[in-house]
Amino acid sequence: MSGYAIDAVHDVAMRVGESPLWHPGEQRLYWIDIAARMVYRLDPLSGRQRSWRMPSEPGALARHAG
């Protein structure tokens, strides 16, 4: 049986981090914390993180054309 190694990419306190989305054009990782009504963005090269509080619980993230 083979095992898996899991490494944290960023240390941020949250209730539950979900729905990771990699944006290849931006080279940034997005994810949500539904219970906290937050959307997060991480630039893994610089380590800079940005977050936005949503007016209601976000359900998921998806990219769109345009």
PDB file of N, CA and C in Angstrom:
ATOM      1  N   MET A   1       0.849  -1.179   0.000  1.00  0.00           N
ATOM      2  CA  MET A   1       0.000   0.000   0.000  1.00  0.00           C
ATOM      3  C   MET A   1       0.888   1.234   0.000  1.00  0.00           C
ATOM      4  N   SER A   2       0.670   2.128  -0.928  1.00  0.00           N
ATOM      5  CA  SER A   2       1.474   3.351  -0.985  1.00  0.00           C
ATOM      6  C   SER A   2       0.777   4.458  -0.217  1.00  0.00           C
ATOM      7  N   GLY A   3       1.581   5.362   0.352  1.00  0.00           N
ATOM      8  CA  GLY A   3       1.027   6.473   1.116  1.00  0.00           C
ATOM      9  C   GLY A   3       1.088   7.760   0.325  1.00  0.00           C
ATOM     10  N   TYR A   4       0.432   8.746   0.846  1.00  0.00           N
ATOM     11  CA  TYR A   4       0.415  10.064   0.234  1.00  0.00           C
ATOM     12  C   TYR A   4       1.034  11.060   1.193  1.00  0.00           C
ATOM     13  N   ALA A   5       1.773  11.998   0.655  1.00  0.00           N
ATOM     14  CA  ALA A   5       2.328  13.086   1.457  1.00  0.00           C
ATOM     15  C   ALA A   5       1.529  14.345   1.147  1.00  0.00           C
ATOM     16  N   ILE A   6       1.079  15.019   2.181  1.00  0.00           N
ATOM     17  CA  ILE A   6       0.310  16.248   2.010  1.00  0.00           C
ATOM     18  C   ILE A   6       1.088  17.392   2.626  1.00  0.00           C
ATOM     19  N   ASP A   7       1.329  18.423   1.841  1.00  0.00           N
ATOM     20  CA  ASP A   7       2.039  19.603   2.317  1.00  0.00           C
ATOM     21  C   ASP A   7       1.106  20.807   2.258  1.00  0.00           C
ATOM     22  N   ALA A   8       1.114  21.603   3.307  1.00  0.00           N
ATOM     23  CA  ALA A   8       0.337  22.846   3.309  1.00  0.00           C
ATOM     24  C   ALA A   8       1.034  23.853   2.405  1.00  0.00           C
ATOM     25  N   VAL A   9       0.276  24.521   1.553  1.00  0.00           N
ATOM     26  CA  VAL A   9       0.863  25.527   0.670  1.00  0.00           C
ATOM     27  C   VAL A   9       0.822  26.913   1.292  1.00  0.00           C
ATOM     28  N   HIS A  10      -0.037  27.082   2.297  1.00  0.00           N
ATOM     29  CA  HIS A  10      -0.152  28.388   2.943  1.00  0.00           C
ATOM     30  C   HIS A  10      -0.788  28.199   4.307  1.00  0.00           C
ATOM     31  N   ASP A  11      -0.349  28.958   5.279  1.00  0.00           N
ATOM     32  CA  ASP A  11      -0.870  28.853   6.635  1.00  0.00           C
ATOM     33  C   ASP A  11      -1.901  29.951   6.867  1.00  0.00           C
ATOM     34  N   VAL A  12      -3.172  29.592   6.812  1.00  0.00           N
ATOM     35  CA  VAL A  12      -4.244  30.561   7.036  1.00  0.00           C
ATOM     36  C   VAL A  12      -5.328  29.879   7.874  1.00  0.00           C
ATOM     37  N   ALA A  13      -5.800  30.574   8.887  1.00  0.00           N
ATOM     38  CA  ALA A  13      -6.855  30.022   9.735  1.00  0.00           C
ATOM     39  C   ALA A  13      -8.191  30.122   9.009  1.00  0.00           C
ATOM     40  N   MET A  14      -8.919  29.021   8.971  1.00  0.00           N
ATOM     41  CA  MET A  14     -10.246  29.027   8.361  1.00  0.00           C
ATOM     42  C   MET A  14     -11.055  27.902   8.961  1.00  0.00           C
ATOM     43  N   ARG A  15     -12.340  27.955   8.739  1.00  0.00           N
ATOM     44  CA  ARG A  15     -13.212  26.895   9.243  1.00  0.00           C
ATOM     45  C   ARG A  15     -13.020  25.636   8.409  1.00  0.00           C
ATOM     46  N   VAL A  16     -13.301  25.741   7.113  1.00  0.00           N
ATOM     47  CA  VAL A  16     -13.108  24.609   6.192  1.00  0.00           C
ATOM     48  C   VAL A  16     -12.707  25.172   4.833  1.00  0.00           C
ATOM     49  N   GLY A  17     -11.508  24.859   4.372  1.00  0.00           N
ATOM     50  CA  GLY A  17     -11.065  25.292   3.047  1.00  0.00           C
ATOM     51  C   GLY A  17     -11.549  24.297   2.000  1.00  0.00           C
ATOM     52  N   GLU A  18     -12.227  24.788   0.958  1.00  0.00           N
ATOM     53  CA  GLU A  18     -12.822  23.901  -0.038  1.00  0.00           C
ATOM     54  C   GLU A  18     -12.713  24.489  -1.442  1.00  0.00           C
ATOM     55  N   SER A  19     -13.056  23.666  -2.410  1.00  0.00           N
ATOM     56  CA  SER A  19     -13.202  24.067  -3.806  1.00  0.00           C
ATOM     57  C   SER A  19     -11.951  24.737  -4.378  1.00  0.00           C
ATOM     58  N   PRO A  20     -10.774  24.088  -4.252  1.00  0.00           N
ATOM     59  CA  PRO A  20      -9.574  24.719  -4.805  1.00  0.00           C
ATOM     60  C   PRO A  20      -9.670  24.852  -6.325  1.00  0.00           C
ATOM     61  N   LEU A  21      -9.175  25.964  -6.827  1.00  0.00           N
ATOM     62  CA  LEU A  21      -9.201  26.240  -8.266  1.00  0.00           C
ATOM     63  C   LEU A  21      -7.878  26.892  -8.657  1.00  0.00           C
ATOM     64  N   TRP A  22      -7.133  26.235  -9.526  1.00  0.00           N
ATOM     65  CA  TRP A  22      -5.886  26.800 -10.038  1.00  0.00           C
ATOM     66  C   TRP A  22      -6.195  27.596 -11.295  1.00  0.00           C
ATOM     67  N   HIS A  23      -5.749  28.852 -11.337  1.00  0.00           N
ATOM     68  CA  HIS A  23      -5.933  29.696 -12.523  1.00  0.00           C
ATOM     69  C   HIS A  23      -4.604  29.700 -13.276  1.00  0.00           C
ATOM     70  N   PRO A  24      -4.504  28.977 -14.405  1.00  0.00           N
ATOM     71  CA  PRO A  24      -3.224  28.873 -15.102  1.00  0.00           C
ATOM     72  C   PRO A  24      -2.713  30.191 -15.662  1.00  0.00           C
ATOM     73  N   GLY A  25      -3.587  31.076 -16.098  1.00  0.00           N
ATOM     74  CA  GLY A  25      -3.157  32.363 -16.636  1.00  0.00           C
ATOM     75  C   GLY A  25      -2.558  33.265 -15.573  1.00  0.00           C
ATOM     76  N   GLU A  26      -3.157  33.268 -14.397  1.00  0.00           N
ATOM     77  CA  GLU A  26      -2.672  34.095 -13.288  1.00  0.00           C
ATOM     78  C   GLU A  26      -1.592  33.401 -12.469  1.00  0.00           C
ATOM     79  N   GLN A  27      -1.518  32.069 -12.596  1.00  0.00           N
ATOM     80  CA  GLN A  27      -0.626  31.262 -11.760  1.00  0.00           C
ATOM     81  C   GLN A  27      -0.956  31.480 -10.279  1.00  0.00           C
ATOM     82  N   ARG A  28      -2.243  31.452  -9.966  1.00  0.00           N
ATOM     83  CA  ARG A  28      -2.717  31.662  -8.598  1.00  0.00           C
ATOM     84  C   ARG A  28      -3.736  30.597  -8.230  1.00  0.00           C
ATOM     85  N   LEU A  29      -3.788  30.324  -6.935  1.00  0.00           N
ATOM     86  CA  LEU A  29      -4.716  29.346  -6.385  1.00  0.00           C
ATOM     87  C   LEU A  29      -5.849  30.068  -5.669  1.00  0.00           C
ATOM     88  N   TYR A  30      -7.078  29.688  -5.986  1.00  0.00           N
ATOM     89  CA  TYR A  30      -8.267  30.234  -5.330  1.00  0.00           C
ATOM     90  C   TYR A  30      -8.930  29.115  -4.540  1.00  0.00           C
ATOM     91  N   TRP A  31      -9.578  29.464  -3.444  1.00  0.00           N
ATOM     92  CA  TRP A  31     -10.388  28.513  -2.692  1.00  0.00           C
ATOM     93  C   TRP A  31     -11.383  29.279  -1.840  1.00  0.00           C
ATOM     94  N   ILE A  32     -12.328  28.559  -1.259  1.00  0.00           N
ATOM     95  CA  ILE A  32     -13.369  29.201  -0.465  1.00  0.00           C
ATOM     96  C   ILE A  32     -13.441  28.597   0.932  1.00  0.00           C
ATOM     97  N   ASP A  33     -14.012  29.360   1.830  1.00  0.00           N
ATOM     98  CA  ASP A  33     -14.423  28.888   3.151  1.00  0.00           C
ATOM     99  C   ASP A  33     -15.912  29.216   3.227  1.00  0.00           C
ATOM    100  N   ILE A  34     -16.741  28.222   2.946  1.00  0.00           N
ATOM    101  CA  ILE A  34     -18.185  28.447   2.850  1.00  0.00           C
ATOM    102  C   ILE A  34     -18.743  29.016   4.141  1.00  0.00           C
ATOM    103  N   ALA A  35     -18.428  28.379   5.267  1.00  0.00           N
ATOM    104  CA  ALA A  35     -19.004  28.783   6.555  1.00  0.00           C
ATOM    105  C   ALA A  35     -18.626  30.210   6.936  1.00  0.00           C
ATOM    106  N   ALA A  36     -17.416  30.637   6.565  1.00  0.00           N
ATOM    107  CA  ALA A  36     -16.956  31.992   6.901  1.00  0.00           C
ATOM    108  C   ALA A  36     -17.324  33.009   5.818  1.00  0.00           C
ATOM    109  N   ARG A  37     -17.948  32.547   4.716  1.00  0.00           N
ATOM    110  CA  ARG A  37     -18.332  33.424   3.594  1.00  0.00           C
ATOM    111  C   ARG A  37     -17.122  34.142   2.994  1.00  0.00           C
ATOM    112  N   MET A  38     -16.013  33.408   2.793  1.00  0.00           N
ATOM    113  CA  MET A  38     -14.777  33.999   2.287  1.00  0.00           C
ATOM    114  C   MET A  38     -14.324  33.311   1.005  1.00  0.00           C
ATOM    115  N   VAL A  39     -13.703  34.105   0.113  1.00  0.00           N
ATOM    116  CA  VAL A  39     -12.983  33.607  -1.057  1.00  0.00           C
ATOM    117  C   VAL A  39     -11.538  34.048  -0.883  1.00  0.00           C
ATOM    118  N   TYR A  40     -10.601  33.137  -1.132  1.00  0.00           N
ATOM    119  CA  TYR A  40      -9.176  33.416  -0.956  1.00  0.00           C
ATOM    120  C   TYR A  40      -8.438  33.251  -2.275  1.00  0.00           C
ATOM    121  N   ARG A  41      -7.324  33.984  -2.405  1.00  0.00           N
ATOM    122  CA  ARG A  41      -6.439  33.839  -3.559  1.00  0.00           C
ATOM    123  C   ARG A  41      -5.006  33.852  -3.051  1.00  0.00           C
ATOM    124  N   LEU A  42      -4.206  32.924  -3.543  1.00  0.00           N
ATOM    125  CA  LEU A  42      -2.803  32.828  -3.143  1.00  0.00           C
ATOM    126  C   LEU A  42      -1.909  32.865  -4.369  1.00  0.00           C
ATOM    127  N   ASP A  43      -0.885  33.715  -4.315  1.00  0.00           N
ATOM    128  CA  ASP A  43       0.183  33.710  -5.310  1.00  0.00           C
ATOM    129  C   ASP A  43       1.312  32.886  -4.697  1.00  0.00           C
ATOM    130  N   PRO A  44       1.516  31.646  -5.148  1.00  0.00           N
ATOM    131  CA  PRO A  44       2.510  30.788  -4.508  1.00  0.00           C
ATOM    132  C   PRO A  44       3.953  31.262  -4.677  1.00  0.00           C
ATOM    133  N   LEU A  45       4.238  32.055  -5.701  1.00  0.00           N
ATOM    134  CA  LEU A  45       5.605  32.546  -5.885  1.00  0.00           C
ATOM    135  C   LEU A  45       5.963  33.621  -4.865  1.00  0.00           C
ATOM    136  N   SER A  46       5.050  34.535  -4.611  1.00  0.00           N
ATOM    137  CA  SER A  46       5.335  35.620  -3.664  1.00  0.00           C
ATOM    138  C   SER A  46       4.845  35.308  -2.256  1.00  0.00           C
ATOM    139  N   GLY A  47       3.909  34.351  -2.142  1.00  0.00           N
ATOM    140  CA  GLY A  47       3.313  34.053  -0.847  1.00  0.00           C
ATOM    141  C   GLY A  47       2.207  35.019  -0.463  1.00  0.00           C
ATOM    142  N   ARG A  48       1.896  35.958  -1.348  1.00  0.00           N
ATOM    143  CA  ARG A  48       0.852  36.943  -1.042  1.00  0.00           C
ATOM    144  C   ARG A  48      -0.527  36.314  -1.157  1.00  0.00           C
ATOM    145  N   GLN A  49      -1.342  36.631  -0.169  1.00  0.00           N
ATOM    146  CA  GLN A  49      -2.709  36.138  -0.151  1.00  0.00           C
ATOM    147  C   GLN A  49      -3.670  37.315  -0.114  1.00  0.00           C
ATOM    148  N   ARG A  50      -4.805  37.140  -0.765  1.00  0.00           N
ATOM    149  CA  ARG A  50      -5.865  38.142  -0.716  1.00  0.00           C
ATOM    150  C   ARG A  50      -7.163  37.411  -0.407  1.00  0.00           C
ATOM    151  N   SER A  51      -8.072  38.081   0.259  1.00  0.00           N
ATOM    152  CA  SER A  51      -9.349  37.447   0.572  1.00  0.00           C
ATOM    153  C   SER A  51     -10.482  38.442   0.418  1.00  0.00           C
ATOM    154  N   TRP A  52     -11.661  37.913   0.153  1.00  0.00           N
ATOM    155  CA  TRP A  52     -12.865  38.715  -0.020  1.00  0.00           C
ATOM    156  C   TRP A  52     -13.995  38.087   0.785  1.00  0.00           C
ATOM    157  N   ARG A  53     -14.703  38.903   1.559  1.00  0.00           N
ATOM    158  CA  ARG A  53     -15.886  38.427   2.273  1.00  0.00           C
ATOM    159  C   ARG A  53     -17.078  38.535   1.328  1.00  0.00           C
ATOM    160  N   MET A  54     -17.841  37.465   1.228  1.00  0.00           N
ATOM    161  CA  MET A  54     -19.007  37.408   0.359  1.00  0.00           C
ATOM    162  C   MET A  54     -20.268  37.771   1.147  1.00  0.00           C
ATOM    163  N   PRO A  55     -21.287  38.312   0.474  1.00  0.00           N
ATOM    164  CA  PRO A  55     -22.525  38.664   1.167  1.00  0.00           C
ATOM    165  C   PRO A  55     -23.318  37.442   1.634  1.00  0.00           C
ATOM    166  N   SER A  56     -23.051  36.285   1.024  1.00  0.00           N
ATOM    167  CA  SER A  56     -23.683  35.036   1.440  1.00  0.00           C
ATOM    168  C   SER A  56     -22.661  33.916   1.267  1.00  0.00           C
ATOM    169  N   GLU A  57     -23.019  32.712   1.681  1.00  0.00           N
ATOM    170  CA  GLU A  57     -22.084  31.590   1.613  1.00  0.00           C
ATOM    171  C   GLU A  57     -21.792  31.214   0.158  1.00  0.00           C
ATOM    172  N   PRO A  58     -20.518  31.246  -0.254  1.00  0.00           N
ATOM    173  CA  PRO A  58     -20.189  30.798  -1.613  1.00  0.00           C
ATOM    174  C   PRO A  58     -20.317  29.280  -1.683  1.00  0.00           C
ATOM    175  N   GLY A  59     -20.764  28.770  -2.817  1.00  0.00           N
ATOM    176  CA  GLY A  59     -20.944  27.332  -2.956  1.00  0.00           C
ATOM    177  C   GLY A  59     -19.789  26.639  -3.647  1.00  0.00           C
ATOM    178  N   ALA A  60     -19.144  27.323  -4.584  1.00  0.00           N
ATOM    179  CA  ALA A  60     -18.048  26.738  -5.357  1.00  0.00           C
ATOM    180  C   ALA A  60     -17.388  27.843  -6.168  1.00  0.00           C
ATOM    181  N   LEU A  61     -16.264  27.503  -6.794  1.00  0.00           N
ATOM    182  CA  LEU A  61     -15.572  28.417  -7.701  1.00  0.00           C
ATOM    183  C   LEU A  61     -15.489  27.771  -9.072  1.00  0.00           C
ATOM    184  N   ALA A  62     -15.566  28.586 -10.108  1.00  0.00           N
ATOM    185  CA  ALA A  62     -15.415  28.097 -11.477  1.00  0.00           C
ATOM    186  C   ALA A  62     -14.900  29.236 -12.343  1.00  0.00           C
ATOM    187  N   ARG A  63     -14.095  28.896 -13.338  1.00  0.00           N
ATOM    188  CA  ARG A  63     -13.627  29.896 -14.296  1.00  0.00           C
ATOM    189  C   ARG A  63     -14.661  30.040 -15.397  1.00  0.00           C
ATOM    190  N   HIS A  64     -14.649  31.211 -16.038  1.00  0.00           N
ATOM    191  CA  HIS A  64     -15.523  31.415 -17.189  1.00  0.00           C
ATOM    192  C   HIS A  64     -14.748  32.139 -18.276  1.00  0.00           C
ATOM    193  N   ALA A  65     -15.165  31.951 -19.498  1.00  0.00           N
ATOM    194  CA  ALA A  65     -14.516  32.618 -20.624  1.00  0.00           C
ATOM    195  C   ALA A  65     -14.942  34.078 -20.656  1.00  0.00           C
ATOM    196  N   GLY A  66     -13.967  34.943 -20.997  1.00  0.00           N
ATOM    197  CA  GLY A  66     -14.318  36.345 -21.168  1.00  0.00           C
ATOM    198  C   GLY A  66     -13.926  37.235 -20.117  1.00  0.00           C
TER     199      GLY A  66
END
